[in-house]
PDB file of N, CA and C in Angstrom:
ATOM      1  N   MET A   1    -293.073  66.842 -53.642  1.00  0.00           N
ATOM      2  CA  MET A   1    -293.606  65.943 -52.633  1.00  0.00           C
ATOM      3  C   MET A   1    -294.197  64.766 -53.391  1.00  0.00           C
ATOM      4  N   GLU A   2    -293.701  63.608 -53.038  1.00  0.00           N
ATOM      5  CA  GLU A   2    -294.194  62.337 -53.710  1.00  0.00           C
ATOM      6  C   GLU A   2    -295.537  61.955 -53.120  1.00  0.00           C
ATOM      7  N   LYS A   3    -296.458  61.568 -54.038  1.00  0.00           N
ATOM      8  CA  LYS A   3    -297.754  61.109 -53.650  1.00  0.00           C
ATOM      9  C   LYS A   3    -297.717  59.898 -52.801  1.00  0.00           C
ATOM     10  N   LEU A   4    -298.569  59.866 -51.773  1.00  0.00           N
ATOM     11  CA  LEU A   4    -298.727  58.687 -50.901  1.00  0.00           C
ATOM     12  C   LEU A   4    -299.771  57.731 -51.399  1.00  0.00           C
ATOM     13  N   THR A   5    -299.564  56.435 -51.200  1.00  0.00           N
ATOM     14  CA  THR A   5    -300.602  55.443 -51.389  1.00  0.00           C
ATOM     15  C   THR A   5    -301.644  55.546 -50.349  1.00  0.00           C
ATOM     16  N   ILE A   6    -302.773  54.908 -50.484  1.00  0.00           N
ATOM     17  CA  ILE A   6    -303.809  54.925 -49.482  1.00  0.00           C
ATOM     18  C   ILE A   6    -303.279  54.390 -48.173  1.00  0.00           C
ATOM     19  N   GLN A   7    -302.506  53.296 -48.159  1.00  0.00           N
ATOM     20  CA  GLN A   7    -301.965  52.685 -46.996  1.00  0.00           C
ATOM     21  C   GLN A   7    -300.937  53.613 -46.371  1.00  0.00           C
ATOM     22  N   GLU A   8    -300.087  54.271 -47.168  1.00  0.00           N
ATOM     23  CA  GLU A   8    -299.130  55.217 -46.601  1.00  0.00           C
ATOM     24  C   GLU A   8    -299.876  56.409 -45.949  1.00  0.00           C
ATOM     25  N   GLU A   9    -300.833  56.927 -46.601  1.00  0.00           N
ATOM     26  CA  GLU A   9    -301.621  58.055 -46.082  1.00  0.00           C
ATOM     27  C   GLU A   9    -302.225  57.665 -44.755  1.00  0.00           C
ATOM     28  N   GLU A  10    -302.768  56.461 -44.625  1.00  0.00           N
ATOM     29  CA  GLU A  10    -303.420  56.017 -43.381  1.00  0.00           C
ATOM     30  C   GLU A  10    -302.413  55.980 -42.270  1.00  0.00           C
ATOM     31  N   VAL A  11    -301.241  55.430 -42.570  1.00  0.00           N
ATOM     32  CA  VAL A  11    -300.180  55.393 -41.528  1.00  0.00           C
ATOM     33  C   VAL A  11    -299.683  56.800 -41.183  1.00  0.00           C
ATOM     34  N   MET A  12    -299.586  57.635 -42.190  1.00  0.00           N
ATOM     35  CA  MET A  12    -299.139  59.006 -41.920  1.00  0.00           C
ATOM     36  C   MET A  12    -300.128  59.752 -41.121  1.00  0.00           C
ATOM     37  N   ILE A  13    -301.432  59.528 -41.235  1.00  0.00           N
ATOM     38  CA  ILE A  13    -302.418  60.181 -40.423  1.00  0.00           C
ATOM     39  C   ILE A  13    -302.232  59.750 -38.883  1.00  0.00           C
ATOM     40  N   TYR A  14    -301.914  58.489 -38.713  1.00  0.00           N
ATOM     41  CA  TYR A  14    -301.684  57.970 -37.358  1.00  0.00           C
ATOM     42  C   TYR A  14    -300.383  58.646 -36.821  1.00  0.00           C
ATOM     43  N   ILE A  15    -299.393  58.819 -37.599  1.00  0.00           N
ATOM     44  CA  ILE A  15    -298.149  59.461 -37.162  1.00  0.00           C
ATOM     45  C   ILE A  15    -298.348  60.887 -36.810  1.00  0.00           C
ATOM     46  N   TRP A  16    -299.152  61.605 -37.616  1.00  0.00           N
ATOM     47  CA  TRP A  16    -299.455  62.973 -37.276  1.00  0.00           C
ATOM     48  C   TRP A  16    -300.277  63.120 -35.985  1.00  0.00           C
ATOM     49  N   GLU A  17    -301.193  62.077 -35.755  1.00  0.00           N
ATOM     50  CA  GLU A  17    -301.948  62.077 -34.476  1.00  0.00           C
ATOM     51  C   GLU A  17    -301.023  61.824 -33.267  1.00  0.00           C
ATOM     52  N   LEU A  18    -300.115  60.882 -33.438  1.00  0.00           N
ATOM     53  CA  LEU A  18    -299.204  60.490 -32.343  1.00  0.00           C
ATOM     54  C   LEU A  18    -298.048  61.448 -32.180  1.00  0.00           C
ATOM     55  N   GLN A  19    -297.604  62.098 -33.225  1.00  0.00           N
ATOM     56  CA  GLN A  19    -296.463  63.091 -33.253  1.00  0.00           C
ATOM     57  C   GLN A  19    -295.102  62.388 -33.054  1.00  0.00           C
ATOM     58  N   CYS A  20    -294.968  61.478 -32.178  1.00  0.00           N
ATOM     59  CA  CYS A  20    -293.803  60.772 -31.894  1.00  0.00           C
ATOM     60  C   CYS A  20    -294.142  59.332 -31.584  1.00  0.00           C
ATOM     61  N   CYS A  21    -293.617  58.341 -32.346  1.00  0.00           N
ATOM     62  CA  CYS A  21    -294.136  57.028 -32.124  1.00  0.00           C
ATOM     63  C   CYS A  21    -293.193  55.909 -32.646  1.00  0.00           C
ATOM     64  N   PHE A  22    -293.471  54.715 -32.229  1.00  0.00           N
ATOM     65  CA  PHE A  22    -292.803  53.536 -32.724  1.00  0.00           C
ATOM     66  C   PHE A  22    -293.783  52.821 -33.582  1.00  0.00           C
ATOM     67  N   VAL A  23    -293.323  51.812 -34.332  1.00  0.00           N
ATOM     68  CA  VAL A  23    -294.225  51.032 -35.207  1.00  0.00           C
ATOM     69  C   VAL A  23    -295.350  50.382 -34.466  1.00  0.00           C
ATOM     70  N   LYS A  24    -295.010  49.891 -33.271  1.00  0.00           N
ATOM     71  CA  LYS A  24    -296.047  49.221 -32.452  1.00  0.00           C
ATOM     72  C   LYS A  24    -297.152  50.191 -32.077  1.00  0.00           C
ATOM     73  N   ASP A  25    -296.805  51.428 -31.874  1.00  0.00           N
ATOM     74  CA  ASP A  25    -297.852  52.424 -31.570  1.00  0.00           C
ATOM     75  C   ASP A  25    -298.760  52.703 -32.719  1.00  0.00           C
ATOM     76  N   ILE A  26    -298.193  52.601 -33.945  1.00  0.00           N
ATOM     77  CA  ILE A  26    -299.048  52.712 -35.151  1.00  0.00           C
ATOM     78  C   ILE A  26    -299.964  51.556 -35.271  1.00  0.00           C
ATOM     79  N   VAL A  27    -299.454  50.371 -35.091  1.00  0.00           N
ATOM     80  CA  VAL A  27    -300.224  49.110 -35.187  1.00  0.00           C
ATOM     81  C   VAL A  27    -301.414  49.196 -34.243  1.00  0.00           C
ATOM     82  N   ALA A  28    -301.181  49.700 -33.067  1.00  0.00           N
ATOM     83  CA  ALA A  28    -302.201  49.814 -32.014  1.00  0.00           C
ATOM     84  C   ALA A  28    -303.350  50.773 -32.393  1.00  0.00           C
ATOM     85  N   LYS A  29    -303.085  51.672 -33.310  1.00  0.00           N
ATOM     86  CA  LYS A  29    -304.077  52.657 -33.730  1.00  0.00           C
ATOM     87  C   LYS A  29    -305.150  52.000 -34.660  1.00  0.00           C
ATOM     88  N   TYR A  30    -304.756  50.929 -35.360  1.00  0.00           N
ATOM     89  CA  TYR A  30    -305.710  50.311 -36.263  1.00  0.00           C
ATOM     90  C   TYR A  30    -306.811  49.581 -35.581  1.00  0.00           C
ATOM     91  N   THR A  31    -308.041  49.559 -36.260  1.00  0.00           N
ATOM     92  CA  THR A  31    -309.103  48.731 -35.684  1.00  0.00           C
ATOM     93  C   THR A  31    -308.773  47.274 -36.032  1.00  0.00           C
ATOM     94  N   GLN A  32    -309.338  46.374 -35.265  1.00  0.00           N
ATOM     95  CA  GLN A  32    -309.046  44.954 -35.430  1.00  0.00           C
ATOM     96  C   GLN A  32    -309.807  44.363 -36.604  1.00  0.00           C
ATOM     97  N   PRO A  33    -309.289  43.526 -37.379  1.00  0.00           N
ATOM     98  CA  PRO A  33    -307.925  43.008 -37.243  1.00  0.00           C
ATOM     99  C   PRO A  33    -306.941  43.993 -37.850  1.00  0.00           C
ATOM    100  N   ALA A  34    -305.912  44.300 -37.081  1.00  0.00           N
ATOM    101  CA  ALA A  34    -304.838  45.176 -37.537  1.00  0.00           C
ATOM    102  C   ALA A  34    -303.907  44.477 -38.510  1.00  0.00           C
ATOM    103  N   PRO A  35    -303.289  45.216 -39.431  1.00  0.00           N
ATOM    104  CA  PRO A  35    -302.349  44.559 -40.299  1.00  0.00           C
ATOM    105  C   PRO A  35    -301.134  44.055 -39.585  1.00  0.00           C
ATOM    106  N   PRO A  36    -300.387  43.097 -40.108  1.00  0.00           N
ATOM    107  CA  PRO A  36    -299.219  42.615 -39.383  1.00  0.00           C
ATOM    108  C   PRO A  36    -298.217  43.719 -39.153  1.00  0.00           C
ATOM    109  N   TYR A  37    -297.451  43.556 -38.078  1.00  0.00           N
ATOM    110  CA  TYR A  37    -296.400  44.502 -37.745  1.00  0.00           C
ATOM    111  C   TYR A  37    -295.477  44.743 -38.863  1.00  0.00           C
ATOM    112  N   THR A  38    -295.075  43.642 -39.556  1.00  0.00           N
ATOM    113  CA  THR A  38    -294.108  43.736 -40.699  1.00  0.00           C
ATOM    114  C   THR A  38    -294.676  44.581 -41.822  1.00  0.00           C
ATOM    115  N   THR A  39    -295.925  44.519 -42.078  1.00  0.00           N
ATOM    116  CA  THR A  39    -296.561  45.278 -43.106  1.00  0.00           C
ATOM    117  C   THR A  39    -296.475  46.767 -42.772  1.00  0.00           C
ATOM    118  N   VAL A  40    -296.871  47.118 -41.499  1.00  0.00           N
ATOM    119  CA  VAL A  40    -296.788  48.515 -41.115  1.00  0.00           C
ATOM    120  C   VAL A  40    -295.320  49.012 -41.112  1.00  0.00           C
ATOM    121  N   ALA A  41    -294.402  48.149 -40.650  1.00  0.00           N
ATOM    122  CA  ALA A  41    -292.987  48.552 -40.678  1.00  0.00           C
ATOM    123  C   ALA A  41    -292.517  48.878 -42.114  1.00  0.00           C
ATOM    124  N   SER A  42    -292.956  48.094 -43.072  1.00  0.00           N
ATOM    125  CA  SER A  42    -292.598  48.287 -44.438  1.00  0.00           C
ATOM    126  C   SER A  42    -293.149  49.635 -44.970  1.00  0.00           C
ATOM    127  N   ILE A  43    -294.433  49.955 -44.596  1.00  0.00           N
ATOM    128  CA  ILE A  43    -295.015  51.188 -44.998  1.00  0.00           C
ATOM    129  C   ILE A  43    -294.249  52.361 -44.377  1.00  0.00           C
ATOM    130  N   VAL A  44    -293.898  52.204 -43.079  1.00  0.00           N
ATOM    131  CA  VAL A  44    -293.112  53.235 -42.413  1.00  0.00           C
ATOM    132  C   VAL A  44    -291.789  53.448 -43.127  1.00  0.00           C
ATOM    133  N   LYS A  45    -291.116  52.439 -43.559  1.00  0.00           N
ATOM    134  CA  LYS A  45    -289.837  52.507 -44.334  1.00  0.00           C
ATOM    135  C   LYS A  45    -290.045  53.325 -45.622  1.00  0.00           C
ATOM    136  N   ASN A  46    -291.215  53.088 -46.261  1.00  0.00           N
ATOM    137  CA  ASN A  46    -291.521  53.811 -47.509  1.00  0.00           C
ATOM    138  C   ASN A  46    -291.673  55.296 -47.201  1.00  0.00           C
ATOM    139  N   LEU A  47    -292.427  55.617 -46.099  1.00  0.00           N
ATOM    140  CA  LEU A  47    -292.581  56.985 -45.682  1.00  0.00           C
ATOM    141  C   LEU A  47    -291.223  57.673 -45.327  1.00  0.00           C
ATOM    142  N   GLU A  48    -290.385  56.920 -44.776  1.00  0.00           N
ATOM    143  CA  GLU A  48    -289.058  57.499 -44.422  1.00  0.00           C
ATOM    144  C   GLU A  48    -288.280  57.758 -45.775  1.00  0.00           C
ATOM    145  N   ARG A  49    -288.363  56.842 -46.708  1.00  0.00           N
ATOM    146  CA  ARG A  49    -287.699  56.932 -47.943  1.00  0.00           C
ATOM    147  C   ARG A  49    -288.185  58.167 -48.754  1.00  0.00           C
ATOM    148  N   LYS A  50    -289.536  58.396 -48.638  1.00  0.00           N
ATOM    149  CA  LYS A  50    -290.165  59.552 -49.338  1.00  0.00           C
ATOM    150  C   LYS A  50    -289.955  60.849 -48.642  1.00  0.00           C
ATOM    151  N   GLY A  51    -289.360  60.851 -47.423  1.00  0.00           N
ATOM    152  CA  GLY A  51    -289.038  62.074 -46.692  1.00  0.00           C
ATOM    153  C   GLY A  51    -290.195  62.611 -45.862  1.00  0.00           C
ATOM    154  N   TYR A  52    -291.209  61.769 -45.583  1.00  0.00           N
ATOM    155  CA  TYR A  52    -292.332  62.220 -44.791  1.00  0.00           C
ATOM    156  C   TYR A  52    -292.127  62.102 -43.288  1.00  0.00           C
ATOM    157  N   ILE A  53    -291.222  61.255 -42.873  1.00  0.00           N
ATOM    158  CA  ILE A  53    -290.958  61.043 -41.443  1.00  0.00           C
ATOM    159  C   ILE A  53    -289.498  61.011 -41.197  1.00  0.00           C
ATOM    160  N   THR A  54    -289.105  61.212 -39.916  1.00  0.00           N
ATOM    161  CA  THR A  54    -287.731  61.260 -39.488  1.00  0.00           C
ATOM    162  C   THR A  54    -287.543  60.235 -38.441  1.00  0.00           C
ATOM    163  N   PRO A  55    -286.573  59.323 -38.628  1.00  0.00           N
ATOM    164  CA  PRO A  55    -286.305  58.252 -37.652  1.00  0.00           C
ATOM    165  C   PRO A  55    -285.305  58.743 -36.648  1.00  0.00           C
ATOM    166  N   LYS A  56    -285.410  58.176 -35.447  1.00  0.00           N
ATOM    167  CA  LYS A  56    -284.441  58.448 -34.368  1.00  0.00           C
ATOM    168  C   LYS A  56    -284.212  57.096 -33.711  1.00  0.00           C
ATOM    169  N   ARG A  57    -282.959  56.609 -33.674  1.00  0.00           N
ATOM    170  CA  ARG A  57    -282.589  55.389 -33.042  1.00  0.00           C
ATOM    171  C   ARG A  57    -282.812  55.433 -31.537  1.00  0.00           C
ATOM    172  N   VAL A  58    -283.527  54.507 -31.017  1.00  0.00           N
ATOM    173  CA  VAL A  58    -283.788  54.419 -29.553  1.00  0.00           C
ATOM    174  C   VAL A  58    -283.544  52.937 -29.220  1.00  0.00           C
ATOM    175  N   GLY A  59    -282.405  52.675 -28.610  1.00  0.00           N
ATOM    176  CA  GLY A  59    -282.120  51.257 -28.300  1.00  0.00           C
ATOM    177  C   GLY A  59    -281.925  50.434 -29.590  1.00  0.00           C
ATOM    178  N   ASN A  60    -282.716  49.355 -29.758  1.00  0.00           N
ATOM    179  CA  ASN A  60    -282.566  48.571 -31.013  1.00  0.00           C
ATOM    180  C   ASN A  60    -283.743  48.781 -31.908  1.00  0.00           C
ATOM    181  N   THR A  61    -284.476  49.876 -31.760  1.00  0.00           N
ATOM    182  CA  THR A  61    -285.627  50.221 -32.592  1.00  0.00           C
ATOM    183  C   THR A  61    -285.518  51.641 -33.005  1.00  0.00           C
ATOM    184  N   TYR A  62    -286.514  52.136 -33.735  1.00  0.00           N
ATOM    185  CA  TYR A  62    -286.592  53.549 -34.156  1.00  0.00           C
ATOM    186  C   TYR A  62    -287.886  54.179 -33.707  1.00  0.00           C
ATOM    187  N   GLN A  63    -287.781  55.449 -33.417  1.00  0.00           N
ATOM    188  CA  GLN A  63    -288.864  56.291 -33.065  1.00  0.00           C
ATOM    189  C   GLN A  63    -289.078  57.262 -34.208  1.00  0.00           C
ATOM    190  N   TYR A  64    -290.313  57.480 -34.656  1.00  0.00           N
ATOM    191  CA  TYR A  64    -290.572  58.284 -35.828  1.00  0.00           C
ATOM    192  C   TYR A  64    -291.394  59.537 -35.425  1.00  0.00           C
ATOM    193  N   THR A  65    -290.984  60.625 -36.154  1.00  0.00           N
ATOM    194  CA  THR A  65    -291.741  61.899 -36.043  1.00  0.00           C
ATOM    195  C   THR A  65    -292.036  62.407 -37.445  1.00  0.00           C
ATOM    196  N   PRO A  66    -293.102  63.156 -37.615  1.00  0.00           N
ATOM    197  CA  PRO A  66    -293.393  63.687 -38.973  1.00  0.00           C
ATOM    198  C   PRO A  66    -292.331  64.667 -39.426  1.00  0.00           C
ATOM    199  N   ALA A  67    -291.935  64.614 -40.679  1.00  0.00           N
ATOM    200  CA  ALA A  67    -290.988  65.542 -41.220  1.00  0.00           C
ATOM    201  C   ALA A  67    -291.779  66.613 -42.029  1.00  0.00           C
ATOM    202  N   ILE A  68    -293.066  66.357 -42.299  1.00  0.00           N
ATOM    203  CA  ILE A  68    -293.943  67.239 -43.122  1.00  0.00           C
ATOM    204  C   ILE A  68    -295.174  67.417 -42.298  1.00  0.00           C
ATOM    205  N   ARG A  69    -295.603  68.674 -42.163  1.00  0.00           N
ATOM    206  CA  ARG A  69    -296.810  68.947 -41.409  1.00  0.00           C
ATOM    207  C   ARG A  69    -298.024  68.512 -42.174  1.00  0.00           C
ATOM    208  N   GLU A  70    -299.073  68.087 -41.371  1.00  0.00           N
ATOM    209  CA  GLU A  70    -300.286  67.632 -42.002  1.00  0.00           C
ATOM    210  C   GLU A  70    -300.896  68.725 -42.973  1.00  0.00           C
ATOM    211  N   ASN A  71    -300.907  69.931 -42.510  1.00  0.00           N
ATOM    212  CA  ASN A  71    -301.473  71.034 -43.316  1.00  0.00           C
ATOM    213  C   ASN A  71    -300.748  71.213 -44.641  1.00  0.00           C
ATOM    214  N   GLU A  72    -299.372  71.036 -44.575  1.00  0.00           N
ATOM    215  CA  GLU A  72    -298.611  71.164 -45.715  1.00  0.00           C
ATOM    216  C   GLU A  72    -298.959  70.129 -46.799  1.00  0.00           C
ATOM    217  N   TYR A  73    -299.157  68.894 -46.315  1.00  0.00           N
ATOM    218  CA  TYR A  73    -299.544  67.778 -47.232  1.00  0.00           C
ATOM    219  C   TYR A  73    -300.982  68.054 -47.731  1.00  0.00           C
ATOM    220  N   LYS A  74    -301.865  68.470 -46.900  1.00  0.00           N
ATOM    221  CA  LYS A  74    -303.259  68.725 -47.387  1.00  0.00           C
ATOM    222  C   LYS A  74    -303.233  69.797 -48.444  1.00  0.00           C
ATOM    223  N   ARG A  75    -302.539  70.852 -48.185  1.00  0.00           N
ATOM    224  CA  ARG A  75    -302.443  71.975 -49.152  1.00  0.00           C
ATOM    225  C   ARG A  75    -301.930  71.544 -50.488  1.00  0.00           C
ATOM    226  N   HIS A  76    -300.848  70.784 -50.461  1.00  0.00           N
ATOM    227  CA  HIS A  76    -300.267  70.220 -51.697  1.00  0.00           C
ATOM    228  C   HIS A  76    -301.192  69.323 -52.429  1.00  0.00           C
ATOM    229  N   PHE A  77    -301.766  68.368 -51.685  1.00  0.00           N
ATOM    230  CA  PHE A  77    -302.685  67.398 -52.263  1.00  0.00           C
ATOM    231  C   PHE A  77    -303.873  68.050 -52.870  1.00  0.00           C
ATOM    232  N   MET A  78    -304.531  68.888 -52.084  1.00  0.00           N
ATOM    233  CA  MET A  78    -305.722  69.634 -52.592  1.00  0.00           C
ATOM    234  C   MET A  78    -305.486  70.474 -53.820  1.00  0.00           C
ATOM    235  N   SER A  79    -304.337  71.105 -53.818  1.00  0.00           N
ATOM    236  CA  SER A  79    -304.002  71.951 -54.999  1.00  0.00           C
ATOM    237  C   SER A  79    -303.923  71.023 -56.248  1.00  0.00           C
ATOM    238  N   GLY A  80    -303.425  69.805 -56.098  1.00  0.00           N
ATOM    239  CA  GLY A  80    -303.339  68.910 -57.224  1.00  0.00           C
ATOM    240  C   GLY A  80    -304.708  68.436 -57.670  1.00  0.00           C
ATOM    241  N   VAL A  81    -305.600  68.183 -56.704  1.00  0.00           N
ATOM    242  CA  VAL A  81    -307.014  67.793 -56.984  1.00  0.00           C
ATOM    243  C   VAL A  81    -307.674  68.911 -57.765  1.00  0.00           C
ATOM    244  N   VAL A  82    -307.626  70.119 -57.254  1.00  0.00           N
ATOM    245  CA  VAL A  82    -308.265  71.224 -57.899  1.00  0.00           C
ATOM    246  C   VAL A  82    -307.632  71.463 -59.262  1.00  0.00           C
ATOM    247  N   ARG A  83    -306.341  71.397 -59.449  1.00  0.00           N
ATOM    248  CA  ARG A  83    -305.667  71.571 -60.722  1.00  0.00           C
ATOM    249  C   ARG A  83    -306.111  70.464 -61.738  1.00  0.00           C
ATOM    250  N   ASN A  84    -306.107  69.196 -61.299  1.00  0.00           N
ATOM    251  CA  ASN A  84    -306.316  68.060 -62.251  1.00  0.00           C
ATOM    252  C   ASN A  84    -307.752  67.778 -62.499  1.00  0.00           C
ATOM    253  N   TYR A  85    -308.694  68.115 -61.575  1.00  0.00           N
ATOM    254  CA  TYR A  85    -310.098  67.714 -61.752  1.00  0.00           C
ATOM    255  C   TYR A  85    -311.052  68.838 -61.854  1.00  0.00           C
ATOM    256  N   PHE A  86    -310.614  70.101 -61.473  1.00  0.00           N
ATOM    257  CA  PHE A  86    -311.555  71.201 -61.471  1.00  0.00           C
ATOM    258  C   PHE A  86    -311.016  72.415 -62.240  1.00  0.00           C
ATOM    259  N   GLU A  87    -310.213  72.182 -63.271  1.00  0.00           N
ATOM    260  CA  GLU A  87    -309.714  73.258 -64.126  1.00  0.00           C
ATOM    261  C   GLU A  87    -309.009  74.290 -63.321  1.00  0.00           C
ATOM    262  N   ASN A  88    -308.349  73.951 -62.235  1.00  0.00           N
ATOM    263  CA  ASN A  88    -307.573  74.832 -61.380  1.00  0.00           C
ATOM    264  C   ASN A  88    -308.451  75.918 -60.789  1.00  0.00           C
ATOM    265  N   SER A  89    -309.670  75.559 -60.512  1.00  0.00           N
ATOM    266  CA  SER A  89    -310.618  76.498 -59.971  1.00  0.00           C
ATOM    267  C   SER A  89    -311.382  75.968 -58.740  1.00  0.00           C
ATOM    268  N   TYR A  90    -311.155  76.651 -57.619  1.00  0.00           N
ATOM    269  CA  TYR A  90    -311.833  76.235 -56.350  1.00  0.00           C
ATOM    270  C   TYR A  90    -313.330  76.499 -56.499  1.00  0.00           C
ATOM    271  N   LYS A  91    -313.678  77.489 -57.292  1.00  0.00           N
ATOM    272  CA  LYS A  91    -315.100  77.783 -57.550  1.00  0.00           C
ATOM    273  C   LYS A  91    -315.771  76.591 -58.266  1.00  0.00           C
ATOM    274  N   GLU A  92    -315.054  75.995 -59.258  1.00  0.00           N
ATOM    275  CA  GLU A  92    -315.609  74.827 -59.942  1.00  0.00           C
ATOM    276  C   GLU A  92    -315.708  73.671 -59.001  1.00  0.00           C
ATOM    277  N   MET A  93    -314.812  73.530 -58.056  1.00  0.00           N
ATOM    278  CA  MET A  93    -314.829  72.353 -57.063  1.00  0.00           C
ATOM    279  C   MET A  93    -316.115  72.532 -56.185  1.00  0.00           C
ATOM    280  N   VAL A  94    -316.274  73.770 -55.601  1.00  0.00           N
ATOM    281  CA  VAL A  94    -317.408  73.985 -54.760  1.00  0.00           C
ATOM    282  C   VAL A  94    -318.713  73.835 -55.495  1.00  0.00           C
ATOM    283  N   SER A  95    -318.745  74.310 -56.728  1.00  0.00           N
ATOM    284  CA  SER A  95    -319.912  74.155 -57.617  1.00  0.00           C
ATOM    285  C   SER A  95    -320.273  72.631 -57.816  1.00  0.00           C
ATOM    286  N   PHE A  96    -319.235  71.882 -58.033  1.00  0.00           N
ATOM    287  CA  PHE A  96    -319.388  70.471 -58.277  1.00  0.00           C
ATOM    288  C   PHE A  96    -320.052  69.795 -57.040  1.00  0.00           C
ATOM    289  N   PHE A  97    -319.582  70.127 -55.830  1.00  0.00           N
ATOM    290  CA  PHE A  97    -320.181  69.510 -54.640  1.00  0.00           C
ATOM    291  C   PHE A  97    -321.531  70.036 -54.395  1.00  0.00           C
ATOM    292  N   ALA A  98    -321.789  71.265 -54.689  1.00  0.00           N
ATOM    293  CA  ALA A  98    -323.163  71.875 -54.495  1.00  0.00           C
ATOM    294  C   ALA A  98    -324.129  71.214 -55.424  1.00  0.00           C
ATOM    295  N   LYS A  99    -323.758  71.070 -56.710  1.00  0.00           N
ATOM    296  CA  LYS A  99    -324.644  70.451 -57.679  1.00  0.00           C
ATOM    297  C   LYS A  99    -324.920  69.007 -57.312  1.00  0.00           C
ATOM    298  N   ASP A 100    -323.961  68.314 -56.774  1.00  0.00           N
ATOM    299  CA  ASP A 100    -324.053  66.961 -56.371  1.00  0.00           C
ATOM    300  C   ASP A 100    -324.737  66.771 -55.007  1.00  0.00           C
ATOM    301  N   GLN A 101    -325.136  67.926 -54.410  1.00  0.00           N
ATOM    302  CA  GLN A 101    -325.785  67.970 -53.128  1.00  0.00           C
ATOM    303  C   GLN A 101    -324.907  67.337 -52.013  1.00  0.00           C
ATOM    304  N   LYS A 102    -323.593  67.522 -52.106  1.00  0.00           N
ATOM    305  CA  LYS A 102    -322.633  67.047 -51.111  1.00  0.00           C
ATOM    306  C   LYS A 102    -322.414  68.171 -50.111  1.00  0.00           C
ATOM    307  N   ILE A 103    -322.849  69.389 -50.459  1.00  0.00           N
ATOM    308  CA  ILE A 103    -322.626  70.576 -49.568  1.00  0.00           C
ATOM    309  C   ILE A 103    -323.923  71.315 -49.522  1.00  0.00           C
ATOM    310  N   SER A 104    -324.336  71.659 -48.351  1.00  0.00           N
ATOM    311  CA  SER A 104    -325.616  72.372 -48.147  1.00  0.00           C
ATOM    312  C   SER A 104    -325.479  73.888 -48.302  1.00  0.00           C
ATOM    313  N   THR A 105    -326.604  74.552 -48.415  1.00  0.00           N
ATOM    314  CA  THR A 105    -326.629  76.021 -48.430  1.00  0.00           C
ATOM    315  C   THR A 105    -326.010  76.576 -47.106  1.00  0.00           C
ATOM    316  N   ASP A 106    -326.410  75.970 -46.022  1.00  0.00           N
ATOM    317  CA  ASP A 106    -325.801  76.414 -44.726  1.00  0.00           C
ATOM    318  C   ASP A 106    -324.360  76.284 -44.684  1.00  0.00           C
ATOM    319  N   ASP A 107    -323.790  75.148 -45.254  1.00  0.00           N
ATOM    320  CA  ASP A 107    -322.388  74.966 -45.332  1.00  0.00           C
ATOM    321  C   ASP A 107    -321.679  75.993 -46.131  1.00  0.00           C
ATOM    322  N   LEU A 108    -322.385  76.335 -47.302  1.00  0.00           N
ATOM    323  CA  LEU A 108    -321.834  77.394 -48.138  1.00  0.00           C
ATOM    324  C   LEU A 108    -321.758  78.742 -47.463  1.00  0.00           C
ATOM    325  N   LYS A 109    -322.850  79.009 -46.699  1.00  0.00           N
ATOM    326  CA  LYS A 109    -322.836  80.290 -45.944  1.00  0.00           C
ATOM    327  C   LYS A 109    -321.763  80.298 -44.932  1.00  0.00           C
ATOM    328  N   ASP A 110    -321.532  79.155 -44.233  1.00  0.00           N
ATOM    329  CA  ASP A 110    -320.427  79.073 -43.269  1.00  0.00           C
ATOM    330  C   ASP A 110    -319.067  79.295 -43.920  1.00  0.00           C
ATOM    331  N   ILE A 111    -318.881  78.744 -45.150  1.00  0.00           N
ATOM    332  CA  ILE A 111    -317.630  78.859 -45.871  1.00  0.00           C
ATOM    333  C   ILE A 111    -317.396  80.404 -46.189  1.00  0.00           C
ATOM    334  N   ILE A 112    -318.508  81.039 -46.647  1.00  0.00           N
ATOM    335  CA  ILE A 112    -318.400  82.460 -47.017  1.00  0.00           C
ATOM    336  C   ILE A 112    -318.045  83.282 -45.734  1.00  0.00           C
ATOM    337  N   ASP A 113    -318.696  82.961 -44.608  1.00  0.00           N
ATOM    338  CA  ASP A 113    -318.339  83.658 -43.351  1.00  0.00           C
ATOM    339  C   ASP A 113    -316.848  83.451 -43.009  1.00  0.00           C
ATOM    340  N   LEU A 114    -316.335  82.215 -43.170  1.00  0.00           N
ATOM    341  CA  LEU A 114    -314.935  81.972 -42.846  1.00  0.00           C
ATOM    342  C   LEU A 114    -314.029  82.747 -43.788  1.00  0.00           C
ATOM    343  N   ILE A 115    -314.393  82.868 -45.032  1.00  0.00           N
ATOM    344  CA  ILE A 115    -313.590  83.630 -46.028  1.00  0.00           C
ATOM    345  C   ILE A 115    -313.549  85.028 -45.656  1.00  0.00           C
ATOM    346  N   GLU A 116    -314.755  85.606 -45.339  1.00  0.00           N
ATOM    347  CA  GLU A 116    -314.853  87.014 -44.949  1.00  0.00           C
ATOM    348  C   GLU A 116    -314.121  87.344 -43.678  1.00  0.00           C
ATOM    349  N   LYS A 117    -314.180  86.368 -42.731  1.00  0.00           N
ATOM    350  CA  LYS A 117    -313.483  86.575 -41.427  1.00  0.00           C
ATOM    351  C   LYS A 117    -311.950  86.575 -41.678  1.00  0.00           C
ATOM    352  N   GLY A 118    -311.550  85.707 -42.580  1.00  0.00           N
ATOM    353  CA  GLY A 118    -310.089  85.622 -42.928  1.00  0.00           C
ATOM    354  C   GLY A 118    -309.554  86.866 -43.501  1.00  0.00           C
ATOM    355  N   LYS A 119    -310.398  87.581 -44.294  1.00  0.00           N
ATOM    356  CA  LYS A 119    -310.022  88.868 -44.906  1.00  0.00           C
ATOM    357  C   LYS A 119    -309.847  89.966 -43.858  1.00  0.00           C
ATOM    358  N   GLU A 120    -310.533  89.792 -42.753  1.00  0.00           N
ATOM    359  CA  GLU A 120    -310.523  90.841 -41.662  1.00  0.00           C
ATOM    360  C   GLU A 120    -309.221  90.717 -40.874  1.00  0.00           C
ATOM    361  N   ASP A 121    -308.652  89.469 -40.789  1.00  0.00           N
ATOM    362  CA  ASP A 121    -307.469  89.271 -39.937  1.00  0.00           C
ATOM    363  C   ASP A 121    -306.207  89.774 -40.544  1.00  0.00           C
TER     364      ASP A 121
END
């Protein structure tokens, strides 16, 4: 899975939200001032080339749908972050955020509850 640029990731998030869309639909999701249509169309072409979206010809334009699920991308991306920045340890990652006070004790308790609940299923 090829890494996305910040701009590609932003467009991909809009496509995941919309599920099925045209370039004009993506442009409409941006806050103003939105980037030019041609810029978004270029980003969409890159996403298509990278295999993240599937085009379908509709009249003289294309309709796009995600070829990769959002969870699949997140899982792949987060695995890389943990591997490259936290010695391949999720414990190290959580510890980093706890030490930096980016995660509270209550949040940690909620995470533990989610983990324990997942083991029961």
